[in-house]
């Protein structure tokens, strides 16, 4: 006859007995993830800075185009909403 613990998958049997161990492992994984994300963000920011400095007018044009696009989308969204109070 099998005991209750033999029915439990092995990954569950290997879990730490204390909640503090699990919390500490989660904190370590979170810190590693945040360090990786921070490094990637610095790399992307460095690349964007170099690109803007090497092509300033293209950057201005792209910024202008994105601004126009956001403005058009905001105007369309505001004009397509039904008016509740008849204003």
PDB file of N, CA and C in Angstrom:
ATOM      1  N   UNK A   1       0.842  -1.175   0.000  1.00  0.00           N
ATOM      2  CA  UNK A   1       0.000   0.000   0.000  1.00  0.00           C
ATOM      3  C   UNK A   1       0.891   1.243   0.000  1.00  0.00           C
ATOM      4  N   UNK A   2       0.573   2.231  -0.879  1.00  0.00           N
ATOM      5  CA  UNK A   2       1.394   3.431  -0.995  1.00  0.00           C
ATOM      6  C   UNK A   2       1.066   4.424   0.114  1.00  0.00           C
ATOM      7  N   UNK A   3       2.096   5.083   0.566  1.00  0.00           N
ATOM      8  CA  UNK A   3       1.843   6.126   1.548  1.00  0.00           C
ATOM      9  C   UNK A   3       1.404   7.390   0.818  1.00  0.00           C
ATOM     10  N   UNK A   4       0.955   8.363   1.567  1.00  0.00           N
ATOM     11  CA  UNK A   4       0.490   9.620   0.971  1.00  0.00           C
ATOM     12  C   UNK A   4       1.622  10.351   0.256  1.00  0.00           C
ATOM     13  N   UNK A   5       2.834  10.262   0.765  1.00  0.00           N
ATOM     14  CA  UNK A   5       3.952  11.009   0.187  1.00  0.00           C
ATOM     15  C   UNK A   5       4.460  10.391  -1.111  1.00  0.00           C
ATOM     16  N   UNK A   6       4.209   9.117  -1.328  1.00  0.00           N
ATOM     17  CA  UNK A   6       4.639   8.485  -2.563  1.00  0.00           C
ATOM     18  C   UNK A   6       3.781   8.928  -3.737  1.00  0.00           C
ATOM     19  N   UNK A   7       2.564   9.411  -3.496  1.00  0.00           N
ATOM     20  CA  UNK A   7       1.667   9.876  -4.548  1.00  0.00           C
ATOM     21  C   UNK A   7       2.002  11.299  -4.985  1.00  0.00           C
ATOM     22  N   UNK A   8       2.726  12.028  -4.158  1.00  0.00           N
ATOM     23  CA  UNK A   8       3.058  13.420  -4.453  1.00  0.00           C
ATOM     24  C   UNK A   8       4.182  13.453  -5.481  1.00  0.00           C
ATOM     25  N   UNK A   9       4.071  14.307  -6.517  1.00  0.00           N
ATOM     26  CA  UNK A   9       5.152  14.399  -7.504  1.00  0.00           C
ATOM     27  C   UNK A   9       6.476  14.772  -6.844  1.00  0.00           C
ATOM     28  N   UNK A  10       7.571  14.366  -7.461  1.00  0.00           N
ATOM     29  CA  UNK A  10       8.892  14.572  -6.867  1.00  0.00           C
ATOM     30  C   UNK A  10       9.209  16.055  -6.710  1.00  0.00           C
ATOM     31  N   UNK A  11       8.753  16.889  -7.626  1.00  0.00           N
ATOM     32  CA  UNK A  11       9.058  18.315  -7.518  1.00  0.00           C
ATOM     33  C   UNK A  11       8.433  18.925  -6.263  1.00  0.00           C
ATOM     34  N   UNK A  12       7.300  18.407  -5.857  1.00  0.00           N
ATOM     35  CA  UNK A  12       6.663  18.913  -4.641  1.00  0.00           C
ATOM     36  C   UNK A  12       7.376  18.373  -3.408  1.00  0.00           C
ATOM     37  N   UNK A  13       7.865  17.148  -3.477  1.00  0.00           N
ATOM     38  CA  UNK A  13       8.565  16.572  -2.341  1.00  0.00           C
ATOM     39  C   UNK A  13       9.867  17.303  -2.066  1.00  0.00           C
ATOM     40  N   UNK A  14      10.475  17.889  -3.103  1.00  0.00           N
ATOM     41  CA  UNK A  14      11.747  18.568  -2.943  1.00  0.00           C
ATOM     42  C   UNK A  14      11.609  20.013  -2.485  1.00  0.00           C
ATOM     43  N   UNK A  15      10.394  20.461  -2.277  1.00  0.00           N
ATOM     44  CA  UNK A  15      10.190  21.845  -1.843  1.00  0.00           C
ATOM     45  C   UNK A  15      10.791  22.051  -0.455  1.00  0.00           C
ATOM     46  N   UNK A  16      11.306  23.243  -0.189  1.00  0.00           N
ATOM     47  CA  UNK A  16      11.846  23.523   1.140  1.00  0.00           C
ATOM     48  C   UNK A  16      10.757  23.415   2.200  1.00  0.00           C
ATOM     49  N   UNK A  17      11.172  23.032   3.361  1.00  0.00           N
ATOM     50  CA  UNK A  17      10.220  22.840   4.441  1.00  0.00           C
ATOM     51  C   UNK A  17       9.781  24.165   5.061  1.00  0.00           C
ATOM     52  N   UNK A  18      10.658  25.170   5.013  1.00  0.00           N
ATOM     53  CA  UNK A  18      10.326  26.441   5.643  1.00  0.00           C
ATOM     54  C   UNK A  18       9.924  27.474   4.597  1.00  0.00           C
ATOM     55  N   UNK A  19       8.893  28.263   4.861  1.00  0.00           N
ATOM     56  CA  UNK A  19       8.485  29.307   3.913  1.00  0.00           C
ATOM     57  C   UNK A  19       9.575  30.354   3.693  1.00  0.00           C
ATOM     58  N   UNK A  20      10.451  30.561   4.680  1.00  0.00           N
ATOM     59  CA  UNK A  20      11.515  31.547   4.543  1.00  0.00           C
ATOM     60  C   UNK A  20      12.466  31.160   3.410  1.00  0.00           C
ATOM     61  N   UNK A  21      12.725  29.846   3.251  1.00  0.00           N
ATOM     62  CA  UNK A  21      13.604  29.374   2.185  1.00  0.00           C
ATOM     63  C   UNK A  21      13.004  29.689   0.818  1.00  0.00           C
ATOM     64  N   UNK A  22      11.714  29.454   0.674  1.00  0.00           N
ATOM     65  CA  UNK A  22      11.034  29.730  -0.583  1.00  0.00           C
ATOM     66  C   UNK A  22      11.037  31.224  -0.867  1.00  0.00           C
ATOM     67  N   UNK A  23      10.784  32.021   0.147  1.00  0.00           N
ATOM     68  CA  UNK A  23      10.775  33.468  -0.014  1.00  0.00           C
ATOM     69  C   UNK A  23      12.158  33.974  -0.384  1.00  0.00           C
ATOM     70  N   UNK A  24      13.186  33.451   0.242  1.00  0.00           N
ATOM     71  CA  UNK A  24      14.560  33.863  -0.063  1.00  0.00           C
ATOM     72  C   UNK A  24      14.916  33.499  -1.504  1.00  0.00           C
ATOM     73  N   UNK A  25      14.532  32.314  -1.953  1.00  0.00           N
ATOM     74  CA  UNK A  25      14.815  31.906  -3.333  1.00  0.00           C
ATOM     75  C   UNK A  25      14.072  32.806  -4.317  1.00  0.00           C
ATOM     76  N   UNK A  26      12.836  33.165  -3.992  1.00  0.00           N
ATOM     77  CA  UNK A  26      12.072  34.058  -4.868  1.00  0.00           C
ATOM     78  C   UNK A  26      12.717  35.438  -4.928  1.00  0.00           C
ATOM     79  N   UNK A  27      13.205  35.921  -3.797  1.00  0.00           N
ATOM     80  CA  UNK A  27      13.889  37.215  -3.780  1.00  0.00           C
ATOM     81  C   UNK A  27      15.150  37.186  -4.632  1.00  0.00           C
ATOM     82  N   UNK A  28      15.901  36.098  -4.534  1.00  0.00           N
ATOM     83  CA  UNK A  28      17.126  35.975  -5.330  1.00  0.00           C
ATOM     84  C   UNK A  28      16.813  35.949  -6.818  1.00  0.00           C
ATOM     85  N   UNK A  29      15.781  35.190  -7.211  1.00  0.00           N
ATOM     86  CA  UNK A  29      15.392  35.155  -8.622  1.00  0.00           C
ATOM     87  C   UNK A  29      14.921  36.513  -9.091  1.00  0.00           C
ATOM     88  N   UNK A  30      14.162  37.224  -8.247  1.00  0.00           N
ATOM     89  CA  UNK A  30      13.683  38.557  -8.606  1.00  0.00           C
ATOM     90  C   UNK A  30      14.849  39.521  -8.779  1.00  0.00           C
ATOM     91  N   UNK A  31      15.818  39.473  -7.873  1.00  0.00           N
ATOM     92  CA  UNK A  31      16.987  40.347  -7.977  1.00  0.00           C
ATOM     93  C   UNK A  31      17.790  40.053  -9.243  1.00  0.00           C
ATOM     94  N   UNK A  32      17.941  38.768  -9.585  1.00  0.00           N
ATOM     95  CA  UNK A  32      18.649  38.406 -10.813  1.00  0.00           C
ATOM     96  C   UNK A  32      17.909  38.922 -12.040  1.00  0.00           C
ATOM     97  N   UNK A  33      16.591  38.784 -12.042  1.00  0.00           N
ATOM     98  CA  UNK A  33      15.787  39.252 -13.164  1.00  0.00           C
ATOM     99  C   UNK A  33      15.876  40.764 -13.299  1.00  0.00           C
ATOM    100  N   UNK A  34      15.763  41.464 -12.177  1.00  0.00           N
ATOM    101  CA  UNK A  34      15.855  42.926 -12.219  1.00  0.00           C
ATOM    102  C   UNK A  34      17.225  43.395 -12.679  1.00  0.00           C
ATOM    103  N   UNK A  35      18.266  42.702 -12.283  1.00  0.00           N
ATOM    104  CA  UNK A  35      19.614  43.063 -12.736  1.00  0.00           C
ATOM    105  C   UNK A  35      19.727  42.883 -14.247  1.00  0.00           C
ATOM    106  N   UNK A  36      19.186  41.802 -14.761  1.00  0.00           N
ATOM    107  CA  UNK A  36      19.213  41.571 -16.205  1.00  0.00           C
ATOM    108  C   UNK A  36      18.408  42.601 -16.976  1.00  0.00           C
ATOM    109  N   UNK A  37      17.238  42.936 -16.463  1.00  0.00           N
ATOM    110  CA  UNK A  37      16.391  43.938 -17.111  1.00  0.00           C
ATOM    111  C   UNK A  37      17.069  45.306 -17.069  1.00  0.00           C
ATOM    112  N   UNK A  38      17.675  45.645 -15.944  1.00  0.00           N
ATOM    113  CA  UNK A  38      18.368  46.920 -15.826  1.00  0.00           C
ATOM    114  C   UNK A  38      19.522  47.023 -16.811  1.00  0.00           C
ATOM    115  N   UNK A  39      20.286  45.962 -16.945  1.00  0.00           N
ATOM    116  CA  UNK A  39      21.409  45.969 -17.891  1.00  0.00           C
ATOM    117  C   UNK A  39      20.906  46.115 -19.324  1.00  0.00           C
ATOM    118  N   UNK A  40      19.839  45.417 -19.654  1.00  0.00           N
ATOM    119  CA  UNK A  40      19.272  45.519 -20.999  1.00  0.00           C
ATOM    120  C   UNK A  40      18.756  46.934 -21.250  1.00  0.00           C
ATOM    121  N   UNK A  41      18.093  47.523 -20.272  1.00  0.00           N
ATOM    122  CA  UNK A  41      17.589  48.895 -20.424  1.00  0.00           C
ATOM    123  C   UNK A  41      18.739  49.874 -20.631  1.00  0.00           C
ATOM    124  N   UNK A  42      19.846  49.695 -19.907  1.00  0.00           N
ATOM    125  CA  UNK A  42      21.009  50.570 -20.100  1.00  0.00           C
ATOM    126  C   UNK A  42      21.582  50.421 -21.504  1.00  0.00           C
ATOM    127  N   UNK A  43      21.632  49.203 -21.998  1.00  0.00           N
ATOM    128  CA  UNK A  43      22.143  48.957 -23.349  1.00  0.00           C
ATOM    129  C   UNK A  43      21.259  49.629 -24.399  1.00  0.00           C
ATOM    130  N   UNK A  44      19.956  49.485 -24.250  1.00  0.00           N
ATOM    131  CA  UNK A  44      19.021  50.096 -25.191  1.00  0.00           C
ATOM    132  C   UNK A  44      19.107  51.618 -25.121  1.00  0.00           C
ATOM    133  N   UNK A  45      19.197  52.170 -23.927  1.00  0.00           N
ATOM    134  CA  UNK A  45      19.303  53.623 -23.772  1.00  0.00           C
ATOM    135  C   UNK A  45      20.595  54.138 -24.389  1.00  0.00           C
ATOM    136  N   UNK A  46      21.687  53.411 -24.202  1.00  0.00           N
ATOM    137  CA  UNK A  46      22.970  53.802 -24.802  1.00  0.00           C
ATOM    138  C   UNK A  46      22.863  53.804 -26.332  1.00  0.00           C
ATOM    139  N   UNK A  47      22.238  52.772 -26.888  1.00  0.00           N
ATOM    140  CA  UNK A  47      22.064  52.687 -28.342  1.00  0.00           C
ATOM    141  C   UNK A  47      21.197  53.841 -28.843  1.00  0.00           C
ATOM    142  N   UNK A  48      20.083  54.118 -28.147  1.00  0.00           N
ATOM    143  CA  UNK A  48      19.204  55.217 -28.561  1.00  0.00           C
ATOM    144  C   UNK A  48      19.940  56.548 -28.499  1.00  0.00           C
ATOM    145  N   UNK A  49      20.733  56.767 -27.472  1.00  0.00           N
ATOM    146  CA  UNK A  49      21.487  58.008 -27.339  1.00  0.00           C
ATOM    147  C   UNK A  49      22.482  58.169 -28.493  1.00  0.00           C
ATOM    148  N   UNK A  50      23.194  57.107 -28.821  1.00  0.00           N
ATOM    149  CA  UNK A  50      24.152  57.161 -29.927  1.00  0.00           C
ATOM    150  C   UNK A  50      23.444  57.418 -31.253  1.00  0.00           C
ATOM    151  N   UNK A  51      22.296  56.782 -31.455  1.00  0.00           N
ATOM    152  CA  UNK A  51      21.542  56.955 -32.698  1.00  0.00           C
ATOM    153  C   UNK A  51      21.037  58.377 -32.834  1.00  0.00           C
ATOM    154  N   UNK A  52      20.526  58.952 -31.770  1.00  0.00           N
ATOM    155  CA  UNK A  52      20.011  60.317 -31.811  1.00  0.00           C
ATOM    156  C   UNK A  52      21.145  61.304 -32.068  1.00  0.00           C
ATOM    157  N   UNK A  53      22.284  61.083 -31.444  1.00  0.00           N
ATOM    158  CA  UNK A  53      23.414  61.998 -31.650  1.00  0.00           C
ATOM    159  C   UNK A  53      23.982  61.892 -33.063  1.00  0.00           C
ATOM    160  N   UNK A  54      23.948  60.714 -33.650  1.00  0.00           N
ATOM    161  CA  UNK A  54      24.501  60.572 -34.991  1.00  0.00           C
ATOM    162  C   UNK A  54      23.508  60.995 -36.078  1.00  0.00           C
ATOM    163  N   UNK A  55      22.215  60.990 -35.798  1.00  0.00           N
ATOM    164  CA  UNK A  55      21.178  61.366 -36.769  1.00  0.00           C
ATOM    165  C   UNK A  55      20.152  62.290 -36.121  1.00  0.00           C
ATOM    166  N   UNK A  56      20.504  63.521 -35.781  1.00  0.00           N
ATOM    167  CA  UNK A  56      19.568  64.365 -35.038  1.00  0.00           C
ATOM    168  C   UNK A  56      18.310  64.740 -35.822  1.00  0.00           C
ATOM    169  N   UNK A  57      18.418  65.021 -37.103  1.00  0.00           N
ATOM    170  CA  UNK A  57      17.237  65.449 -37.846  1.00  0.00           C
ATOM    171  C   UNK A  57      16.293  64.289 -38.121  1.00  0.00           C
ATOM    172  N   UNK A  58      16.827  63.122 -38.312  1.00  0.00           N
ATOM    173  CA  UNK A  58      15.956  61.953 -38.466  1.00  0.00           C
ATOM    174  C   UNK A  58      15.203  61.707 -37.164  1.00  0.00           C
ATOM    175  N   UNK A  59      15.884  61.890 -36.044  1.00  0.00           N
ATOM    176  CA  UNK A  59      15.231  61.710 -34.746  1.00  0.00           C
ATOM    177  C   UNK A  59      14.112  62.718 -34.538  1.00  0.00           C
ATOM    178  N   UNK A  60      14.352  63.962 -34.958  1.00  0.00           N
ATOM    179  CA  UNK A  60      13.310  64.995 -34.852  1.00  0.00           C
ATOM    180  C   UNK A  60      12.126  64.623 -35.731  1.00  0.00           C
ATOM    181  N   UNK A  61      12.400  64.137 -36.935  1.00  0.00           N
ATOM    182  CA  UNK A  61      11.323  63.734 -37.836  1.00  0.00           C
ATOM    183  C   UNK A  61      10.514  62.571 -37.300  1.00  0.00           C
ATOM    184  N   UNK A  62      11.193  61.592 -36.731  1.00  0.00           N
ATOM    185  CA  UNK A  62      10.487  60.444 -36.151  1.00  0.00           C
ATOM    186  C   UNK A  62       9.634  60.889 -34.964  1.00  0.00           C
ATOM    187  N   UNK A  63      10.190  61.751 -34.124  1.00  0.00           N
ATOM    188  CA  UNK A  63       9.418  62.273 -32.988  1.00  0.00           C
ATOM    189  C   UNK A  63       8.190  63.040 -33.443  1.00  0.00           C
ATOM    190  N   UNK A  64       8.349  63.849 -34.479  1.00  0.00           N
ATOM    191  CA  UNK A  64       7.221  64.606 -35.017  1.00  0.00           C
ATOM    192  C   UNK A  64       6.154  63.657 -35.554  1.00  0.00           C
ATOM    193  N   UNK A  65       6.586  62.642 -36.321  1.00  0.00           N
ATOM    194  CA  UNK A  65       5.639  61.684 -36.880  1.00  0.00           C
ATOM    195  C   UNK A  65       4.876  60.915 -35.807  1.00  0.00           C
ATOM    196  N   UNK A  66       5.575  60.503 -34.776  1.00  0.00           N
ATOM    197  CA  UNK A  66       4.909  59.790 -33.674  1.00  0.00           C
ATOM    198  C   UNK A  66       3.923  60.714 -32.971  1.00  0.00           C
ATOM    199  N   UNK A  67       4.295  61.977 -32.784  1.00  0.00           N
ATOM    200  CA  UNK A  67       3.389  62.943 -32.153  1.00  0.00           C
ATOM    201  C   UNK A  67       2.126  63.166 -32.968  1.00  0.00           C
ATOM    202  N   UNK A  68       2.289  63.277 -34.286  1.00  0.00           N
ATOM    203  CA  UNK A  68       1.119  63.452 -35.162  1.00  0.00           C
ATOM    204  C   UNK A  68       0.229  62.221 -35.095  1.00  0.00           C
ATOM    205  N   UNK A  69       0.824  61.051 -35.141  1.00  0.00           N
ATOM    206  CA  UNK A  69       0.051  59.807 -35.083  1.00  0.00           C
ATOM    207  C   UNK A  69      -0.737  59.702 -33.773  1.00  0.00           C
ATOM    208  N   UNK A  70      -0.096  60.014 -32.651  1.00  0.00           N
ATOM    209  CA  UNK A  70      -0.784  59.959 -31.355  1.00  0.00           C
ATOM    210  C   UNK A  70      -1.912  60.990 -31.318  1.00  0.00           C
ATOM    211  N   UNK A  71      -1.659  62.177 -31.862  1.00  0.00           N
ATOM    212  CA  UNK A  71      -2.698  63.206 -31.899  1.00  0.00           C
ATOM    213  C   UNK A  71      -3.896  62.793 -32.727  1.00  0.00           C
ATOM    214  N   UNK A  72      -3.645  62.191 -33.891  1.00  0.00           N
ATOM    215  CA  UNK A  72      -4.746  61.725 -34.743  1.00  0.00           C
ATOM    216  C   UNK A  72      -5.536  60.636 -34.041  1.00  0.00           C
ATOM    217  N   UNK A  73      -4.844  59.689 -33.436  1.00  0.00           N
ATOM    218  CA  UNK A  73      -5.550  58.612 -32.729  1.00  0.00           C
ATOM    219  C   UNK A  73      -6.363  59.143 -31.555  1.00  0.00           C
ATOM    220  N   UNK A  74      -5.831  60.110 -30.821  1.00  0.00           N
ATOM    221  CA  UNK A  74      -6.565  60.690 -29.699  1.00  0.00           C
ATOM    222  C   UNK A  74      -7.795  61.442 -30.195  1.00  0.00           C
ATOM    223  N   UNK A  75      -7.653  62.156 -31.308  1.00  0.00           N
ATOM    224  CA  UNK A  75      -8.794  62.885 -31.873  1.00  0.00           C
ATOM    225  C   UNK A  75      -9.870  61.921 -32.346  1.00  0.00           C
ATOM    226  N   UNK A  76      -9.472  60.859 -33.016  1.00  0.00           N
ATOM    227  CA  UNK A  76     -10.449  59.867 -33.469  1.00  0.00           C
ATOM    228  C   UNK A  76     -11.145  59.192 -32.296  1.00  0.00           C
ATOM    229  N   UNK A  77     -10.400  58.873 -31.255  1.00  0.00           N
ATOM    230  CA  UNK A  77     -10.997  58.228 -30.085  1.00  0.00           C
ATOM    231  C   UNK A  77     -11.976  59.167 -29.390  1.00  0.00           C
ATOM    232  N   UNK A  78     -11.639  60.462 -29.311  1.00  0.00           N
ATOM    233  CA  UNK A  78     -12.518  61.425 -28.638  1.00  0.00           C
ATOM    234  C   UNK A  78     -13.777  61.686 -29.458  1.00  0.00           C
ATOM    235  N   UNK A  79     -13.667  61.695 -30.783  1.00  0.00           N
ATOM    236  CA  UNK A  79     -14.831  62.007 -31.617  1.00  0.00           C
ATOM    237  C   UNK A  79     -15.744  60.805 -31.811  1.00  0.00           C
ATOM    238  N   UNK A  80     -15.260  59.602 -31.576  1.00  0.00           N
ATOM    239  CA  UNK A  80     -16.087  58.415 -31.804  1.00  0.00           C
ATOM    240  C   UNK A  80     -16.863  57.987 -30.568  1.00  0.00           C
ATOM    241  N   UNK A  81     -16.611  58.615 -29.427  1.00  0.00           N
ATOM    242  CA  UNK A  81     -17.345  58.251 -28.213  1.00  0.00           C
ATOM    243  C   UNK A  81     -18.776  58.779 -28.270  1.00  0.00           C
ATOM    244  N   UNK A  82     -19.738  57.976 -27.861  1.00  0.00           N
ATOM    245  CA  UNK A  82     -21.109  58.485 -27.807  1.00  0.00           C
ATOM    246  C   UNK A  82     -21.248  59.528 -26.694  1.00  0.00           C
ATOM    247  N   UNK A  83     -22.024  60.519 -26.967  1.00  0.00           N
ATOM    248  CA  UNK A  83     -22.224  61.576 -25.976  1.00  0.00           C
ATOM    249  C   UNK A  83     -23.461  61.259 -25.153  1.00  0.00           C
ATOM    250  N   UNK A  84     -23.325  61.308 -23.845  1.00  0.00           N
ATOM    251  CA  UNK A  84     -24.421  60.915 -22.963  1.00  0.00           C
ATOM    252  C   UNK A  84     -25.364  62.061 -22.638  1.00  0.00           C
ATOM    253  N   UNK A  85     -24.839  63.262 -22.557  1.00  0.00           N
ATOM    254  CA  UNK A  85     -25.650  64.369 -22.068  1.00  0.00           C
ATOM    255  C   UNK A  85     -26.076  65.312 -23.188  1.00  0.00           C
ATOM    256  N   UNK A  86     -25.848  64.957 -24.405  1.00  0.00           N
ATOM    257  CA  UNK A  86     -26.285  65.764 -25.520  1.00  0.00           C
ATOM    258  C   UNK A  86     -25.492  67.040 -25.701  1.00  0.00           C
ATOM    259  N   UNK A  87     -24.288  67.099 -25.201  1.00  0.00           N
ATOM    260  CA  UNK A  87     -23.466  68.297 -25.349  1.00  0.00           C
ATOM    261  C   UNK A  87     -22.727  68.301 -26.653  1.00  0.00           C
TER     262      UNK A  87
END
